[in-house]
């Protein structure tokens, strides 16, 4: 089974492509994460956990979901991380989670996908992002082939300093910077509620047809990137920046462009 968590769609895209190659069932953790619940997984065998990288580690909300969940004894576990530049200390967190749950750890792989953390960085143009997604396809297929044959994923060669630096930064960053206070909606907002529906923590409500952010945020950037009117800003840092609408939309546009 492939269990995934995704904000803007990068990890969902990778999970679906792996599932198409391996024939495994997909489980979207979105609802469970949003409700703060775990899940009782009935089947033993191979599990593939797919998620993005937040601050050089898997999202805490996803790790907490997995800790709340129950799995049969004897499960084999692969981890696949989507990122814009590197996994950092993520393999150590994946290995630790596997040990906590009694999984047989079979490795962590990374898939480089377009940048979506526009609160701090810039995403590419649609053309650049399509090219990056297409460049990732062979790596996704190699990972799927490894999983299909139940071989271990190659060791990413994480350095000790990568893990230690992640440990030092992770908790302070979540506490000090992963806040929704800087999110605002401009006059372009039409009150459609898309931002509220895509928030994996249920942190957004509509008041007088305008989004209001609560006190819980994981900085997945789903609300700002998926707003159909690009009406959401994060302080002054996102003004004028391109939005990343996700791989499904980009690849659909590419397929339509190729049609005669």
Protein backbone atom coordinates (compact mmCIF):
# COMPACT_ATOMS: atom_id res chain seq x y z
CA UNK A 1 0.00 0.00 0.00
CA UNK A 2 1.14 3.53 -0.76
CA UNK A 3 0.30 6.02 1.98
CA UNK A 4 0.84 9.65 1.05
CA UNK A 5 0.48 13.18 2.35
CA UNK A 6 0.52 16.13 -0.03
CA UNK A 7 -0.14 19.86 0.11
CA UNK A 8 0.30 21.27 -3.37
CA UNK A 9 0.31 17.93 -5.17
CA UNK A 10 3.95 16.97 -5.70
CA UNK A 11 3.82 13.96 -3.38
CA UNK A 12 0.39 12.92 -4.64
CA UNK A 13 1.74 12.92 -8.21
CA UNK A 14 4.71 10.75 -7.21
CA UNK A 15 2.54 8.38 -5.17
CA UNK A 16 0.13 7.88 -8.04
CA UNK A 17 2.91 7.18 -10.52
CA UNK A 18 4.50 4.62 -8.20
CA UNK A 19 1.09 2.99 -7.65
CA UNK A 20 0.49 2.79 -11.39
CA UNK A 21 3.81 0.96 -11.79
CA UNK A 22 3.54 -1.37 -8.79
CA UNK A 23 -0.21 -1.99 -8.77
CA UNK A 24 -0.43 -1.00 -5.11
CA UNK A 25 -3.47 0.57 -3.47
CA UNK A 26 -3.33 4.28 -2.61
CA UNK A 27 -4.23 5.79 0.75
CA UNK A 28 -4.50 9.58 1.01
CA UNK A 29 -3.72 10.62 4.60
CA UNK A 30 -5.29 14.09 4.11
CA UNK A 31 -8.57 13.45 5.95
CA UNK A 32 -6.92 11.62 8.85
CA UNK A 33 -4.30 14.35 9.26
CA UNK A 34 -6.99 17.02 9.11
CA UNK A 35 -9.11 15.29 11.76
CA UNK A 36 -6.13 14.46 13.98
CA UNK A 37 -6.90 10.76 13.75
CA UNK A 38 -4.92 7.64 12.99
CA UNK A 39 -5.97 4.71 10.83
CA UNK A 40 -5.97 0.97 11.34
CA UNK A 41 -4.27 -0.57 8.32
CA UNK A 42 -5.44 -4.16 7.96
CA UNK A 43 -2.91 -5.58 5.52
CA UNK A 44 0.65 -6.65 6.19
CA UNK A 45 3.25 -6.54 3.45
CA UNK A 46 4.95 -3.61 1.75
CA UNK A 47 4.14 -0.01 2.68
CA UNK A 48 5.43 3.00 0.79
CA UNK A 49 5.17 6.33 2.60
CA UNK A 50 5.31 9.36 0.34
CA UNK A 51 5.47 12.94 1.60
CA UNK A 52 7.18 16.28 1.05
CA UNK A 53 10.16 17.60 2.98
CA UNK A 54 9.48 20.41 5.46
CA UNK A 55 12.59 21.88 7.10
CA UNK A 56 14.75 18.91 6.04
CA UNK A 57 12.38 16.36 7.60
CA UNK A 58 9.02 14.73 6.83
CA UNK A 59 6.07 16.92 7.93
CA UNK A 60 5.41 16.54 11.64
CA UNK A 61 1.68 16.25 10.92
CA UNK A 62 2.33 13.20 8.72
CA UNK A 63 4.71 11.58 11.20
CA UNK A 64 2.16 12.13 13.98
CA UNK A 65 -0.52 10.49 11.82
CA UNK A 66 1.68 7.44 11.29
CA UNK A 67 2.42 7.24 15.01
CA UNK A 68 -1.33 7.30 15.76
CA UNK A 69 -2.00 4.59 13.18
CA UNK A 70 -1.90 0.82 13.65
CA UNK A 71 -0.15 -1.60 11.31
CA UNK A 72 0.09 -5.38 11.28
CA UNK A 73 3.32 -7.03 12.39
CA UNK A 74 6.01 -7.69 9.83
CA UNK A 75 5.48 -4.72 7.49
CA UNK A 76 8.21 -3.65 5.10
CA UNK A 77 8.61 0.13 4.80
CA UNK A 78 9.88 2.38 2.03
CA UNK A 79 9.91 6.17 2.29
CA UNK A 80 9.85 8.51 -0.71
CA UNK A 81 10.39 12.22 -0.10
CA UNK A 82 9.63 15.00 -2.57
CA UNK A 83 11.81 18.08 -2.27
CA UNK A 84 13.17 21.03 -4.22
CA UNK A 85 16.80 20.58 -3.32
CA UNK A 86 17.63 17.79 -0.89
CA UNK A 87 16.34 15.56 1.92
CA UNK A 88 18.55 16.92 4.70
CA UNK A 89 18.06 14.80 7.82
CA UNK A 90 14.84 13.14 6.59
CA UNK A 91 16.27 9.58 6.27
CA UNK A 92 17.10 9.54 9.97
CA UNK A 93 13.51 10.51 10.86
CA UNK A 94 12.15 7.83 8.53
CA UNK A 95 14.43 5.19 10.00
CA UNK A 96 13.40 6.23 13.53
CA UNK A 97 9.71 6.07 12.65
CA UNK A 98 10.18 2.61 11.14
CA UNK A 99 11.88 1.44 14.33
CA UNK A 100 9.05 2.86 16.49
CA UNK A 101 6.41 1.06 14.43
CA UNK A 102 8.31 -2.22 14.14
CA UNK A 103 8.73 -1.93 10.36
CA UNK A 104 11.56 -3.47 8.41
CA UNK A 105 13.18 -0.33 6.99
CA UNK A 106 14.05 -0.61 3.30
CA UNK A 107 15.32 2.89 2.66
CA UNK A 108 14.45 6.46 1.81
CA UNK A 109 14.55 7.98 -1.65
CA UNK A 110 14.19 11.55 -2.83
CA UNK A 111 12.44 12.91 -5.89
CA UNK A 112 13.27 16.46 -6.89
CA UNK A 113 10.12 18.35 -7.82
CA UNK A 114 9.30 22.04 -8.40
CA UNK A 115 9.66 24.53 -5.57
CA UNK A 116 6.36 25.34 -3.88
CA UNK A 117 7.46 27.10 -0.68
CA UNK A 118 6.85 30.57 -2.03
CA UNK A 119 6.71 32.12 1.43
CA UNK A 120 10.51 32.00 1.27
CA UNK A 121 11.54 31.03 -2.25
CA UNK A 122 10.40 31.51 -5.84
CA UNK A 123 8.84 28.80 -7.95
CA UNK A 124 9.78 28.45 -11.59
CA UNK A 125 7.77 29.40 -14.63
CA UNK A 126 5.20 26.85 -15.82
CA UNK A 127 7.63 25.76 -18.54
CA UNK A 128 10.50 25.34 -16.06
CA UNK A 129 8.31 23.42 -13.66
CA UNK A 130 7.01 21.08 -16.39
CA UNK A 131 10.58 20.37 -17.41
CA UNK A 132 11.49 19.58 -13.80
CA UNK A 133 8.55 17.22 -13.43
CA UNK A 134 9.41 15.43 -16.68
CA UNK A 135 13.03 15.12 -15.55
CA UNK A 136 11.79 13.44 -12.35
CA UNK A 137 9.80 10.73 -14.14
CA UNK A 138 12.72 8.33 -14.76
CA UNK A 139 13.75 8.55 -11.10
CA UNK A 140 10.18 7.84 -9.94
CA UNK A 141 10.11 4.83 -12.26
CA UNK A 142 13.45 3.58 -10.91
CA UNK A 143 12.13 3.85 -7.37
CA UNK A 144 8.96 1.98 -8.37
CA UNK A 145 11.02 -0.79 -9.97
CA UNK A 146 13.08 -1.16 -6.79
CA UNK A 147 9.92 -1.37 -4.69
CA UNK A 148 8.34 -3.90 -7.05
CA UNK A 149 11.33 -6.20 -6.64
CA UNK A 150 11.44 -5.69 -2.83
CA UNK A 151 15.04 -4.52 -3.00
CA UNK A 152 16.44 -1.90 -0.65
CA UNK A 153 16.61 1.65 -1.89
CA UNK A 154 20.18 2.94 -2.30
CA UNK A 155 21.57 4.61 0.82
CA UNK A 156 21.34 8.39 0.29
CA UNK A 157 24.57 8.87 2.22
CA UNK A 158 23.24 11.34 4.76
CA UNK A 159 25.99 13.09 6.70
CA UNK A 160 25.85 13.36 10.50
CA UNK A 161 25.84 17.15 10.35
CA UNK A 162 22.72 17.07 8.15
CA UNK A 163 20.78 15.26 10.83
CA UNK A 164 22.17 17.29 13.72
CA UNK A 165 21.49 20.60 11.98
CA UNK A 166 17.93 19.48 11.27
CA UNK A 167 17.45 18.50 14.93
CA UNK A 168 18.70 21.92 16.06
CA UNK A 169 16.49 23.88 13.65
CA UNK A 170 13.32 21.82 13.32
CA UNK A 171 11.48 22.48 16.60
CA UNK A 172 12.38 26.20 16.82
CA UNK A 173 11.34 26.67 13.18
CA UNK A 174 7.95 25.05 13.73
CA UNK A 175 7.35 27.19 16.81
CA UNK A 176 8.68 30.51 15.54
CA UNK A 177 8.04 30.53 11.80
CA UNK A 178 5.27 28.07 10.91
CA UNK A 179 2.59 30.59 11.69
CA UNK A 180 -0.42 31.58 9.61
CA UNK A 181 -0.44 35.16 10.92
CA UNK A 182 1.05 36.61 7.74
CA UNK A 183 -1.59 35.11 5.42
CA UNK A 184 -4.11 37.59 4.05
CA UNK A 185 -6.69 37.63 1.28
CA UNK A 186 -6.74 40.52 -1.18
CA UNK A 187 -9.73 42.09 -2.91
CA UNK A 188 -9.38 39.48 -5.66
CA UNK A 189 -10.85 36.89 -3.29
CA UNK A 190 -14.26 35.62 -4.46
CA UNK A 191 -15.07 33.63 -1.32
CA UNK A 192 -15.03 30.27 -3.10
CA UNK A 193 -13.66 28.42 -0.07
CA UNK A 194 -10.98 26.51 -2.00
CA UNK A 195 -8.34 27.55 0.53
CA UNK A 196 -10.39 26.11 3.41
CA UNK A 197 -11.03 22.84 1.60
CA UNK A 198 -7.37 22.18 0.74
CA UNK A 199 -5.91 23.05 4.15
CA UNK A 200 -4.65 19.74 5.61
CA UNK A 201 -5.00 20.99 9.19
CA UNK A 202 -8.45 22.52 8.80
CA UNK A 203 -6.93 25.84 9.83
CA UNK A 204 -8.97 28.09 7.53
CA UNK A 205 -12.58 29.17 7.90
CA UNK A 206 -14.66 31.61 5.90
CA UNK A 207 -16.09 34.63 7.66
CA UNK A 208 -18.16 37.04 5.57
CA UNK A 209 -16.89 35.11 2.52
CA UNK A 210 -13.27 35.83 3.40
CA UNK A 211 -10.71 33.30 4.66
CA UNK A 212 -9.56 33.56 8.26
CA UNK A 213 -6.52 31.59 9.40
CA UNK A 214 -6.36 29.96 12.81
CA UNK A 215 -3.43 29.11 15.02
CA UNK A 216 -2.32 25.86 13.36
CA UNK A 217 -0.30 25.86 10.16
CA UNK A 218 2.23 23.51 8.63
CA UNK A 219 3.27 25.89 5.81
CA UNK A 220 2.31 23.43 3.10
CA UNK A 221 1.42 26.44 0.88
CA UNK A 222 -1.71 24.70 -0.43
CA UNK A 223 -3.95 27.69 0.20
CA UNK A 224 -1.77 30.29 -1.47
CA UNK A 225 -0.76 28.13 -4.44
CA UNK A 226 -4.17 26.63 -5.15
CA UNK A 227 -6.23 29.81 -4.88
CA UNK A 228 -7.92 30.10 -8.31
CA UNK A 229 -7.72 33.90 -8.21
CA UNK A 230 -4.22 34.11 -6.68
CA UNK A 231 -5.83 36.28 -4.02
CA UNK A 232 -3.76 35.08 -1.04
CA UNK A 233 -0.50 36.65 0.08
CA UNK A 234 1.98 35.77 2.80
CA UNK A 235 3.10 39.12 4.12
CA UNK A 236 5.00 41.14 1.54
CA UNK A 237 7.24 38.24 0.53
CA UNK A 238 4.88 36.65 -1.98
CA UNK A 239 3.75 39.78 -3.79
CA UNK A 240 4.40 39.44 -7.49
CA UNK A 241 5.62 35.85 -7.20
CA UNK A 242 4.39 33.14 -9.52
CA UNK A 243 2.15 30.54 -7.93
CA UNK A 244 2.75 26.82 -8.23
CA UNK A 245 -0.51 25.16 -9.24
CA UNK A 246 0.80 21.61 -8.95
CA UNK A 247 1.99 18.87 -11.31
CA UNK A 248 -1.45 17.59 -12.28
CA UNK A 249 -2.48 20.96 -13.72
CA UNK A 250 0.88 21.52 -15.39
CA UNK A 251 1.03 18.11 -17.05
CA UNK A 252 -2.61 18.38 -18.14
CA UNK A 253 -1.78 21.68 -19.82
CA UNK A 254 1.19 20.04 -21.54
CA UNK A 255 -0.95 17.18 -22.86
CA UNK A 256 -3.52 19.64 -24.20
CA UNK A 257 -0.78 21.63 -25.92
CA UNK A 258 0.47 18.48 -27.66
CA UNK A 259 -2.93 17.66 -29.13
CA UNK A 260 -3.30 18.57 -32.80
